[in-house]
C-alpha atoms as a PDB file:
ATOM      1  CA  UNK A   1     -71.016  12.038  -6.291  1.00  0.00           C
ATOM      2  CA  UNK A   2     -69.650  15.359  -5.114  1.00  0.00           C
ATOM      3  CA  UNK A   3     -71.243  14.898  -1.698  1.00  0.00           C
ATOM      4  CA  UNK A   4     -69.702  11.444  -1.355  1.00  0.00           C
ATOM      5  CA  UNK A   5     -66.311  12.908  -2.206  1.00  0.00           C
ATOM      6  CA  UNK A   6     -66.700  15.571   0.502  1.00  0.00           C
ATOM      7  CA  UNK A   7     -67.632  12.916   3.071  1.00  0.00           C
ATOM      8  CA  UNK A   8     -64.592  10.850   2.154  1.00  0.00           C
ATOM      9  CA  UNK A   9     -62.330  13.892   2.478  1.00  0.00           C
ATOM     10  CA  UNK A  10     -63.624  14.503   6.018  1.00  0.00           C
ATOM     11  CA  UNK A  11     -62.682  10.983   7.119  1.00  0.00           C
ATOM     12  CA  UNK A  12     -59.270  10.947   5.421  1.00  0.00           C
ATOM     13  CA  UNK A  13     -56.625  12.586   7.594  1.00  0.00           C
ATOM     14  CA  UNK A  14     -54.071  14.777   5.856  1.00  0.00           C
ATOM     15  CA  UNK A  15     -50.463  13.609   5.626  1.00  0.00           C
ATOM     16  CA  UNK A  16     -48.245  14.776   8.460  1.00  0.00           C
ATOM     17  CA  UNK A  17     -44.528  14.100   8.328  1.00  0.00           C
ATOM     18  CA  UNK A  18     -42.915  12.624  11.412  1.00  0.00           C
ATOM     19  CA  UNK A  19     -40.124  14.652  12.966  1.00  0.00           C
ATOM     20  CA  UNK A  20     -36.521  13.682  12.185  1.00  0.00           C
ATOM     21  CA  UNK A  21     -35.123  11.484  14.972  1.00  0.00           C
ATOM     22  CA  UNK A  22     -32.312  13.155  16.929  1.00  0.00           C
ATOM     23  CA  UNK A  23     -30.038  10.132  16.449  1.00  0.00           C
ATOM     24  CA  UNK A  24     -29.635  11.002  12.768  1.00  0.00           C
ATOM     25  CA  UNK A  25     -27.987  14.289  13.716  1.00  0.00           C
ATOM     26  CA  UNK A  26     -25.302  12.624  15.871  1.00  0.00           C
ATOM     27  CA  UNK A  27     -21.904  12.101  14.199  1.00  0.00           C
ATOM     28  CA  UNK A  28     -21.845   8.306  14.519  1.00  0.00           C
ATOM     29  CA  UNK A  29     -19.545   7.712  11.542  1.00  0.00           C
ATOM     30  CA  UNK A  30     -16.697   9.670  13.117  1.00  0.00           C
ATOM     31  CA  UNK A  31     -17.028   7.801  16.401  1.00  0.00           C
ATOM     32  CA  UNK A  32     -17.073   4.417  14.618  1.00  0.00           C
ATOM     33  CA  UNK A  33     -14.078   5.361  12.512  1.00  0.00           C
ATOM     34  CA  UNK A  34     -12.055   6.628  15.468  1.00  0.00           C
ATOM     35  CA  UNK A  35     -12.894   3.486  17.469  1.00  0.00           C
ATOM     36  CA  UNK A  36     -11.779   1.211  14.629  1.00  0.00           C
ATOM     37  CA  UNK A  37      -8.593   3.257  14.184  1.00  0.00           C
ATOM     38  CA  UNK A  38      -7.830   2.953  17.900  1.00  0.00           C
ATOM     39  CA  UNK A  39      -8.485  -0.808  17.792  1.00  0.00           C
ATOM     40  CA  UNK A  40      -6.217  -1.188  14.770  1.00  0.00           C
ATOM     41  CA  UNK A  41      -3.376   0.626  16.557  1.00  0.00           C
ATOM     42  CA  UNK A  42      -3.774  -1.562  19.649  1.00  0.00           C
ATOM     43  CA  UNK A  43      -3.677  -4.758  17.578  1.00  0.00           C
ATOM     44  CA  UNK A  44      -0.586  -3.544  15.738  1.00  0.00           C
ATOM     45  CA  UNK A  45       1.158  -2.705  19.008  1.00  0.00           C
ATOM     46  CA  UNK A  46       0.314  -6.138  20.453  1.00  0.00           C
ATOM     47  CA  UNK A  47       1.674  -7.859  17.339  1.00  0.00           C
ATOM     48  CA  UNK A  48       4.922  -5.888  17.559  1.00  0.00           C
ATOM     49  CA  UNK A  49       5.325  -6.760  21.244  1.00  0.00           C
ATOM     50  CA  UNK A  50       4.622 -10.433  20.533  1.00  0.00           C
ATOM     51  CA  UNK A  51       7.148 -10.473  17.693  1.00  0.00           C
ATOM     52  CA  UNK A  52       9.819  -8.897  19.906  1.00  0.00           C
ATOM     53  CA  UNK A  53       9.204 -11.493  22.623  1.00  0.00           C
ATOM     54  CA  UNK A  54       9.628 -14.362  20.145  1.00  0.00           C
ATOM     55  CA  UNK A  55      12.560 -12.755  18.356  1.00  0.00           C
ATOM     56  CA  UNK A  56      15.715 -14.877  18.220  1.00  0.00           C
ATOM     57  CA  UNK A  57      18.381 -12.935  16.288  1.00  0.00           C
ATOM     58  CA  UNK A  58      21.139 -14.722  14.426  1.00  0.00           C
ATOM     59  CA  UNK A  59      24.368 -15.345  16.308  1.00  0.00           C
ATOM     60  CA  UNK A  60      26.273 -12.772  14.271  1.00  0.00           C
ATOM     61  CA  UNK A  61      23.670 -10.030  14.774  1.00  0.00           C
ATOM     62  CA  UNK A  62      24.995  -8.805  18.130  1.00  0.00           C
ATOM     63  CA  UNK A  63      28.602  -9.309  17.050  1.00  0.00           C
ATOM     64  CA  UNK A  64      28.160  -7.159  13.950  1.00  0.00           C
ATOM     65  CA  UNK A  65      26.047  -4.640  15.802  1.00  0.00           C
ATOM     66  CA  UNK A  66      28.954  -3.745  18.123  1.00  0.00           C
ATOM     67  CA  UNK A  67      31.557  -3.479  15.366  1.00  0.00           C
ATOM     68  CA  UNK A  68      32.306  -0.045  13.929  1.00  0.00           C
ATOM     69  CA  UNK A  69      31.068   0.447  10.413  1.00  0.00           C
ATOM     70  CA  UNK A  70      33.704  -0.221   7.800  1.00  0.00           C
ATOM     71  CA  UNK A  71      33.918   1.860   4.672  1.00  0.00           C
ATOM     72  CA  UNK A  72      33.382  -0.537   1.810  1.00  0.00           C
ATOM     73  CA  UNK A  73      35.407   0.302  -1.273  1.00  0.00           C
ATOM     74  CA  UNK A  74      33.479   0.183  -4.509  1.00  0.00           C
ATOM     75  CA  UNK A  75      34.108  -2.820  -6.728  1.00  0.00           C
ATOM     76  CA  UNK A  76      36.850  -2.019  -9.193  1.00  0.00           C
ATOM     77  CA  UNK A  77      35.947  -3.020 -12.732  1.00  0.00           C
ATOM     78  CA  UNK A  78      38.949  -3.817 -14.929  1.00  0.00           C
ATOM     79  CA  UNK A  79      39.422  -1.587 -17.946  1.00  0.00           C
ATOM     80  CA  UNK A  80      37.887  -3.004 -21.129  1.00  0.00           C
ATOM     81  CA  UNK A  81      40.355  -4.210 -23.761  1.00  0.00           C
ATOM     82  CA  UNK A  82      39.017  -5.503 -27.046  1.00  0.00           C
ATOM     83  CA  UNK A  83      40.678  -8.349 -28.900  1.00  0.00           C
ATOM     84  CA  UNK A  84      42.104  -7.556 -32.327  1.00  0.00           C
ATOM     85  CA  UNK A  85      39.850  -8.156 -35.326  1.00  0.00           C
ATOM     86  CA  UNK A  86      40.490 -11.568 -36.872  1.00  0.00           C
ATOM     87  CA  UNK A  87      41.809 -11.564 -40.443  1.00  0.00           C
ATOM     88  CA  UNK A  88      39.013 -13.858 -41.577  1.00  0.00           C
ATOM     89  CA  UNK A  89      36.455 -11.113 -41.095  1.00  0.00           C
ATOM     90  CA  UNK A  90      38.518  -8.298 -42.503  1.00  0.00           C
ATOM     91  CA  UNK A  91      37.123  -6.068 -45.254  1.00  0.00           C
ATOM     92  CA  UNK A  92      40.124  -6.645 -47.487  1.00  0.00           C
ATOM     93  CA  UNK A  93      39.319 -10.345 -47.894  1.00  0.00           C
ATOM     94  CA  UNK A  94      35.763  -9.452 -48.903  1.00  0.00           C
ATOM     95  CA  UNK A  95      37.084  -7.154 -51.605  1.00  0.00           C
ATOM     96  CA  UNK A  96      39.420  -9.893 -52.873  1.00  0.00           C
ATOM     97  CA  UNK A  97      36.568 -12.407 -53.073  1.00  0.00           C
ATOM     98  CA  UNK A  98      34.469  -9.944 -55.067  1.00  0.00           C
ATOM     99  CA  UNK A  99      37.257  -9.531 -57.621  1.00  0.00           C
END
């Protein structure tokens, strides 16, 4: 049995690890991310240009754009004045009813 085991060990080759491929050491993630960022900026720029070409401002936009800015006064709130207390809810009537 021991001799058979020795013969089997001669025919079995020992494990040898394969070398790491050089492509795993390249920074692919950064290049993919920068490419997608660049593409996103180009698409955004194209959309802005397309929107400006199709833009039709309201008729008053240019008119108001050329006017000088007016100082808008704040809304004046009238001073609060409370109505007098009605006699029906006065404390004196409550005291009279208790008596």
